[in-house]
Amino acid sequence: MIEENKSKKPGLGSLIKSILAAAIGVQSNKNRERDFEHGSPLAFIVGGFVFTLLFIATIATVVGIVLSNN
């Protein structure tokens, strides 16, 4: 039964949580090991790319709003 839990891939919520934690540098060693052992590298690469694009778009939008109010 323990082996069944270890062979499961991380779900979408776990994937998002890991990407956000890694982005701000607070990923726990336990979660990082789980991601490397059971996670798909492609999922983390795509997730990181999407997060980066959303982060840049958010910053650009906030800067645009602040500058347009002056």
PDB file of N, CA and C in Angstrom:
ATOM      1  N   MET A   1       0.826  -1.188   0.000  1.00  0.00           N
ATOM      2  CA  MET A   1       0.000   0.000   0.000  1.00  0.00           C
ATOM      3  C   MET A   1       0.871   1.251   0.000  1.00  0.00           C
ATOM      4  N   ILE A   2       1.970   1.225   0.692  1.00  0.00           N
ATOM      5  CA  ILE A   2       2.870   2.371   0.692  1.00  0.00           C
ATOM      6  C   ILE A   2       3.475   2.547  -0.693  1.00  0.00           C
ATOM      7  N   GLU A   3       3.778   1.447  -1.366  1.00  0.00           N
ATOM      8  CA  GLU A   3       4.346   1.525  -2.712  1.00  0.00           C
ATOM      9  C   GLU A   3       3.372   2.162  -3.691  1.00  0.00           C
ATOM     10  N   GLU A   4       2.069   1.957  -3.505  1.00  0.00           N
ATOM     11  CA  GLU A   4       1.080   2.564  -4.388  1.00  0.00           C
ATOM     12  C   GLU A   4       1.118   4.079  -4.277  1.00  0.00           C
ATOM     13  N   ASN A   5       1.267   4.615  -3.070  1.00  0.00           N
ATOM     14  CA  ASN A   5       1.329   6.064  -2.886  1.00  0.00           C
ATOM     15  C   ASN A   5       2.590   6.649  -3.493  1.00  0.00           C
ATOM     16  N   LYS A   6       3.695   5.920  -3.421  1.00  0.00           N
ATOM     17  CA  LYS A   6       4.953   6.425  -3.948  1.00  0.00           C
ATOM     18  C   LYS A   6       4.965   6.433  -5.474  1.00  0.00           C
ATOM     19  N   SER A   7       4.215   5.542  -6.121  1.00  0.00           N
ATOM     20  CA  SER A   7       4.247   5.456  -7.568  1.00  0.00           C
ATOM     21  C   SER A   7       3.304   6.456  -8.233  1.00  0.00           C
ATOM     22  N   LYS A   8       2.463   7.114  -7.452  1.00  0.00           N
ATOM     23  CA  LYS A   8       1.531   8.087  -8.020  1.00  0.00           C
ATOM     24  C   LYS A   8       2.263   9.349  -8.451  1.00  0.00           C
ATOM     25  N   LYS A   9       1.844   9.882  -9.592  1.00  0.00           N
ATOM     26  CA  LYS A   9       2.380  11.154 -10.048  1.00  0.00           C
ATOM     27  C   LYS A   9       1.713  12.279  -9.269  1.00  0.00           C
ATOM     28  N   PRO A  10       2.421  13.387  -9.095  1.00  0.00           N
ATOM     29  CA  PRO A  10       1.799  14.532  -8.418  1.00  0.00           C
ATOM     30  C   PRO A  10       0.611  15.045  -9.233  1.00  0.00           C
ATOM     31  N   GLY A  11      -0.449  15.434  -8.546  1.00  0.00           N
ATOM     32  CA  GLY A  11      -1.630  15.952  -9.218  1.00  0.00           C
ATOM     33  C   GLY A  11      -1.438  17.406  -9.635  1.00  0.00           C
ATOM     34  N   LEU A  12      -2.456  17.977 -10.249  1.00  0.00           N
ATOM     35  CA  LEU A  12      -2.388  19.353 -10.734  1.00  0.00           C
ATOM     36  C   LEU A  12      -2.158  20.335  -9.597  1.00  0.00           C
ATOM     37  N   GLY A  13      -2.865  20.157  -8.490  1.00  0.00           N
ATOM     38  CA  GLY A  13      -2.692  21.049  -7.343  1.00  0.00           C
ATOM     39  C   GLY A  13      -1.278  20.976  -6.788  1.00  0.00           C
ATOM     40  N   SER A  14      -0.741  19.769  -6.703  1.00  0.00           N
ATOM     41  CA  SER A  14       0.623  19.584  -6.218  1.00  0.00           C
ATOM     42  C   SER A  14       1.630  20.190  -7.191  1.00  0.00           C
ATOM     43  N   LEU A  15       1.366  20.057  -8.470  1.00  0.00           N
ATOM     44  CA  LEU A  15       2.231  20.639  -9.501  1.00  0.00           C
ATOM     45  C   LEU A  15       2.271  22.160  -9.386  1.00  0.00           C
ATOM     46  N   ILE A  16       1.117  22.773  -9.258  1.00  0.00           N
ATOM     47  CA  ILE A  16       1.035  24.230  -9.135  1.00  0.00           C
ATOM     48  C   ILE A  16       1.721  24.687  -7.847  1.00  0.00           C
ATOM     49  N   LYS A  17       1.465  23.981  -6.761  1.00  0.00           N
ATOM     50  CA  LYS A  17       2.089  24.329  -5.479  1.00  0.00           C
ATOM     51  C   LYS A  17       3.613  24.243  -5.574  1.00  0.00           C
ATOM     52  N   SER A  18       4.118  23.216  -6.219  1.00  0.00           N
ATOM     53  CA  SER A  18       5.562  23.048  -6.364  1.00  0.00           C
ATOM     54  C   SER A  18       6.174  24.140  -7.229  1.00  0.00           C
ATOM     55  N   ILE A  19       5.486  24.512  -8.309  1.00  0.00           N
ATOM     56  CA  ILE A  19       5.996  25.561  -9.191  1.00  0.00           C
ATOM     57  C   ILE A  19       6.037  26.897  -8.464  1.00  0.00           C
ATOM     58  N   LEU A  20       4.983  27.223  -7.736  1.00  0.00           N
ATOM     59  CA  LEU A  20       4.956  28.486  -6.994  1.00  0.00           C
ATOM     60  C   LEU A  20       6.007  28.505  -5.885  1.00  0.00           C
ATOM     61  N   ALA A  21       6.148  27.388  -5.174  1.00  0.00           N
ATOM     62  CA  ALA A  21       7.147  27.315  -4.105  1.00  0.00           C
ATOM     63  C   ALA A  21       8.556  27.440  -4.670  1.00  0.00           C
ATOM     64  N   ALA A  22       8.805  26.786  -5.783  1.00  0.00           N
ATOM     65  CA  ALA A  22      10.125  26.877  -6.407  1.00  0.00           C
ATOM     66  C   ALA A  22      10.390  28.282  -6.930  1.00  0.00           C
ATOM     67  N   ALA A  23       9.369  28.960  -7.410  1.00  0.00           N
ATOM     68  CA  ALA A  23       9.534  30.302  -7.960  1.00  0.00           C
ATOM     69  C   ALA A  23       9.984  31.300  -6.905  1.00  0.00           C
ATOM     70  N   ILE A  24       9.499  31.114  -5.672  1.00  0.00           N
ATOM     71  CA  ILE A  24       9.907  32.060  -4.624  1.00  0.00           C
ATOM     72  C   ILE A  24      10.982  31.468  -3.723  1.00  0.00           C
ATOM     73  N   GLY A  25      11.422  30.233  -4.021  1.00  0.00           N
ATOM     74  CA  GLY A  25      12.553  29.647  -3.325  1.00  0.00           C
ATOM     75  C   GLY A  25      12.272  29.042  -1.975  1.00  0.00           C
ATOM     76  N   VAL A  26      11.063  28.556  -1.745  1.00  0.00           N
ATOM     77  CA  VAL A  26      10.743  27.957  -0.451  1.00  0.00           C
ATOM     78  C   VAL A  26      10.314  26.493  -0.573  1.00  0.00           C
ATOM     79  N   GLN A  27      10.714  25.823  -1.628  1.00  0.00           N
ATOM     80  CA  GLN A  27      10.358  24.421  -1.845  1.00  0.00           C
ATOM     81  C   GLN A  27      11.021  23.557  -0.778  1.00  0.00           C
ATOM     82  N   SER A  28      10.245  22.706  -0.125  1.00  0.00           N
ATOM     83  CA  SER A  28      10.820  21.821   0.891  1.00  0.00           C
ATOM     84  C   SER A  28      11.603  20.698   0.206  1.00  0.00           C
ATOM     85  N   ASN A  29      12.576  20.181   0.915  1.00  0.00           N
ATOM     86  CA  ASN A  29      13.406  19.111   0.363  1.00  0.00           C
ATOM     87  C   ASN A  29      12.560  17.871   0.061  1.00  0.00           C
ATOM     88  N   LYS A  30      11.600  17.577   0.935  1.00  0.00           N
ATOM     89  CA  LYS A  30      10.726  16.411   0.744  1.00  0.00           C
ATOM     90  C   LYS A  30       9.917  16.544  -0.552  1.00  0.00           C
ATOM     91  N   ASN A  31       9.325  17.717  -0.769  1.00  0.00           N
ATOM     92  CA  ASN A  31       8.536  17.924  -1.979  1.00  0.00           C
ATOM     93  C   ASN A  31       9.418  17.952  -3.227  1.00  0.00           C
ATOM     94  N   ARG A  32      10.603  18.519  -3.117  1.00  0.00           N
ATOM     95  CA  ARG A  32      11.510  18.554  -4.263  1.00  0.00           C
ATOM     96  C   ARG A  32      11.906  17.143  -4.669  1.00  0.00           C
ATOM     97  N   GLU A  33      12.228  16.300  -3.679  1.00  0.00           N
ATOM     98  CA  GLU A  33      12.576  14.912  -3.975  1.00  0.00           C
ATOM     99  C   GLU A  33      11.404  14.176  -4.617  1.00  0.00           C
ATOM    100  N   ARG A  34      10.197  14.397  -4.102  1.00  0.00           N
ATOM    101  CA  ARG A  34       9.013  13.758  -4.684  1.00  0.00           C
ATOM    102  C   ARG A  34       8.832  14.183  -6.138  1.00  0.00           C
ATOM    103  N   ASP A  35       9.018  15.474  -6.406  1.00  0.00           N
ATOM    104  CA  ASP A  35       8.861  15.982  -7.767  1.00  0.00           C
ATOM    105  C   ASP A  35       9.876  15.363  -8.715  1.00  0.00           C
ATOM    106  N   PHE A  36      11.117  15.253  -8.270  1.00  0.00           N
ATOM    107  CA  PHE A  36      12.155  14.693  -9.133  1.00  0.00           C
ATOM    108  C   PHE A  36      11.974  13.200  -9.352  1.00  0.00           C
ATOM    109  N   GLU A  37      11.453  12.498  -8.353  1.00  0.00           N
ATOM    110  CA  GLU A  37      11.286  11.055  -8.474  1.00  0.00           C
ATOM    111  C   GLU A  37      10.043  10.662  -9.260  1.00  0.00           C
ATOM    112  N   HIS A  38       8.945  11.401  -9.079  1.00  0.00           N
ATOM    113  CA  HIS A  38       7.673  10.960  -9.645  1.00  0.00           C
ATOM    114  C   HIS A  38       7.056  11.937 -10.648  1.00  0.00           C
ATOM    115  N   GLY A  39       7.538  13.142 -10.699  1.00  0.00           N
ATOM    116  CA  GLY A  39       6.941  14.141 -11.576  1.00  0.00           C
ATOM    117  C   GLY A  39       7.496  14.068 -12.992  1.00  0.00           C
ATOM    118  N   SER A  40       6.724  14.588 -13.912  1.00  0.00           N
ATOM    119  CA  SER A  40       7.142  14.654 -15.307  1.00  0.00           C
ATOM    120  C   SER A  40       7.908  15.954 -15.538  1.00  0.00           C
ATOM    121  N   PRO A  41       9.128  15.875 -16.058  1.00  0.00           N
ATOM    122  CA  PRO A  41       9.893  17.099 -16.309  1.00  0.00           C
ATOM    123  C   PRO A  41       9.160  18.058 -17.245  1.00  0.00           C
ATOM    124  N   LEU A  42       8.488  17.517 -18.245  1.00  0.00           N
ATOM    125  CA  LEU A  42       7.765  18.358 -19.201  1.00  0.00           C
ATOM    126  C   LEU A  42       6.674  19.167 -18.513  1.00  0.00           C
ATOM    127  N   ALA A  43       5.975  18.563 -17.553  1.00  0.00           N
ATOM    128  CA  ALA A  43       4.915  19.274 -16.839  1.00  0.00           C
ATOM    129  C   ALA A  43       5.484  20.454 -16.056  1.00  0.00           C
ATOM    130  N   PHE A  44       6.639  20.265 -15.430  1.00  0.00           N
ATOM    131  CA  PHE A  44       7.246  21.347 -14.657  1.00  0.00           C
ATOM    132  C   PHE A  44       7.814  22.430 -15.571  1.00  0.00           C
ATOM    133  N   ILE A  45       8.354  22.040 -16.713  1.00  0.00           N
ATOM    134  CA  ILE A  45       8.880  23.023 -17.667  1.00  0.00           C
ATOM    135  C   ILE A  45       7.748  23.879 -18.219  1.00  0.00           C
ATOM    136  N   VAL A  46       6.669  23.240 -18.657  1.00  0.00           N
ATOM    137  CA  VAL A  46       5.521  23.979 -19.192  1.00  0.00           C
ATOM    138  C   VAL A  46       4.894  24.842 -18.101  1.00  0.00           C
ATOM    139  N   GLY A  47       4.737  24.293 -16.909  1.00  0.00           N
ATOM    140  CA  GLY A  47       4.169  25.056 -15.798  1.00  0.00           C
ATOM    141  C   GLY A  47       5.016  26.257 -15.443  1.00  0.00           C
ATOM    142  N   GLY A  48       6.320  26.083 -15.412  1.00  0.00           N
ATOM    143  CA  GLY A  48       7.219  27.193 -15.126  1.00  0.00           C
ATOM    144  C   GLY A  48       7.165  28.261 -16.200  1.00  0.00           C
ATOM    145  N   PHE A  49       7.065  27.850 -17.450  1.00  0.00           N
ATOM    146  CA  PHE A  49       6.962  28.788 -18.567  1.00  0.00           C
ATOM    147  C   PHE A  49       5.662  29.584 -18.485  1.00  0.00           C
ATOM    148  N   VAL A  50       4.560  28.898 -18.206  1.00  0.00           N
ATOM    149  CA  VAL A  50       3.259  29.571 -18.076  1.00  0.00           C
ATOM    150  C   VAL A  50       3.283  30.532 -16.895  1.00  0.00           C
ATOM    151  N   PHE A  51       3.842  30.103 -15.760  1.00  0.00           N
ATOM    152  CA  PHE A  51       3.942  30.976 -14.598  1.00  0.00           C
ATOM    153  C   PHE A  51       4.748  32.231 -14.927  1.00  0.00           C
ATOM    154  N   THR A  52       5.860  32.057 -15.621  1.00  0.00           N
ATOM    155  CA  THR A  52       6.707  33.200 -15.980  1.00  0.00           C
ATOM    156  C   THR A  52       5.958  34.173 -16.877  1.00  0.00           C
ATOM    157  N   LEU A  53       5.244  33.665 -17.866  1.00  0.00           N
ATOM    158  CA  LEU A  53       4.469  34.538 -18.757  1.00  0.00           C
ATOM    159  C   LEU A  53       3.376  35.287 -17.999  1.00  0.00           C
ATOM    160  N   LEU A  54       2.682  34.594 -17.105  1.00  0.00           N
ATOM    161  CA  LEU A  54       1.638  35.250 -16.313  1.00  0.00           C
ATOM    162  C   LEU A  54       2.232  36.292 -15.365  1.00  0.00           C
ATOM    163  N   PHE A  55       3.393  36.002 -14.793  1.00  0.00           N
ATOM    164  CA  PHE A  55       4.053  36.946 -13.902  1.00  0.00           C
ATOM    165  C   PHE A  55       4.461  38.205 -14.656  1.00  0.00           C
ATOM    166  N   ILE A  56       5.050  38.037 -15.829  1.00  0.00           N
ATOM    167  CA  ILE A  56       5.462  39.191 -16.634  1.00  0.00           C
ATOM    168  C   ILE A  56       4.251  40.005 -17.071  1.00  0.00           C
ATOM    169  N   ALA A  57       3.183  39.328 -17.496  1.00  0.00           N
ATOM    170  CA  ALA A  57       1.968  40.033 -17.914  1.00  0.00           C
ATOM    171  C   ALA A  57       1.354  40.806 -16.742  1.00  0.00           C
ATOM    172  N   THR A  58       1.369  40.226 -15.560  1.00  0.00           N
ATOM    173  CA  THR A  58       0.833  40.902 -14.375  1.00  0.00           C
ATOM    174  C   THR A  58       1.639  42.148 -14.047  1.00  0.00           C
ATOM    175  N   ILE A  59       2.960  42.027 -14.044  1.00  0.00           N
ATOM    176  CA  ILE A  59       3.818  43.177 -13.754  1.00  0.00           C
ATOM    177  C   ILE A  59       3.622  44.268 -14.804  1.00  0.00           C
ATOM    178  N   ALA A  60       3.562  43.891 -16.073  1.00  0.00           N
ATOM    179  CA  ALA A  60       3.368  44.875 -17.143  1.00  0.00           C
ATOM    180  C   ALA A  60       2.019  45.575 -16.999  1.00  0.00           C
ATOM    181  N   THR A  61       0.982  44.841 -16.623  1.00  0.00           N
ATOM    182  CA  THR A  61      -0.334  45.427 -16.436  1.00  0.00           C
ATOM    183  C   THR A  61      -0.341  46.411 -15.270  1.00  0.00           C
ATOM    184  N   VAL A  62       0.255  46.021 -14.156  1.00  0.00           N
ATOM    185  CA  VAL A  62       0.303  46.915 -12.983  1.00  0.00           C
ATOM    186  C   VAL A  62       1.083  48.172 -13.321  1.00  0.00           C
ATOM    187  N   VAL A  63       2.208  48.045 -13.985  1.00  0.00           N
ATOM    188  CA  VAL A  63       3.003  49.214 -14.359  1.00  0.00           C
ATOM    189  C   VAL A  63       2.218  50.103 -15.311  1.00  0.00           C
ATOM    190  N   GLY A  64       1.508  49.508 -16.262  1.00  0.00           N
ATOM    191  CA  GLY A  64       0.692  50.268 -17.197  1.00  0.00           C
ATOM    192  C   GLY A  64      -0.414  51.048 -16.492  1.00  0.00           C
ATOM    193  N   ILE A  65      -1.067  50.428 -15.528  1.00  0.00           N
ATOM    194  CA  ILE A  65      -2.130  51.083 -14.773  1.00  0.00           C
ATOM    195  C   ILE A  65      -1.569  52.232 -13.944  1.00  0.00           C
ATOM    196  N   VAL A  66      -0.454  51.991 -13.279  1.00  0.00           N
ATOM    197  CA  VAL A  66       0.155  53.043 -12.449  1.00  0.00           C
ATOM    198  C   VAL A  66       0.596  54.221 -13.306  1.00  0.00           C
ATOM    199  N   LEU A  67       1.209  53.971 -14.427  1.00  0.00           N
ATOM    200  CA  LEU A  67       1.691  55.059 -15.280  1.00  0.00           C
ATOM    201  C   LEU A  67       0.552  55.799 -15.975  1.00  0.00           C
ATOM    202  N   SER A  68      -0.548  55.123 -16.246  1.00  0.00           N
ATOM    203  CA  SER A  68      -1.660  55.799 -16.913  1.00  0.00           C
ATOM    204  C   SER A  68      -2.447  56.717 -15.964  1.00  0.00           C
ATOM    205  N   ASN A  69      -2.328  56.497 -14.659  1.00  0.00           N
ATOM    206  CA  ASN A  69      -3.024  57.326 -13.674  1.00  0.00           C
ATOM    207  C   ASN A  69      -2.352  58.654 -13.419  1.00  0.00           C
ATOM    208  N   ASN A  70      -1.141  58.833 -13.923  1.00  0.00           N
ATOM    209  CA  ASN A  70      -0.416  60.083 -13.678  1.00  0.00           C
ATOM    210  C   ASN A  70      -0.758  61.108 -14.706  1.00  0.00           C
TER     211      ASN A  70
END
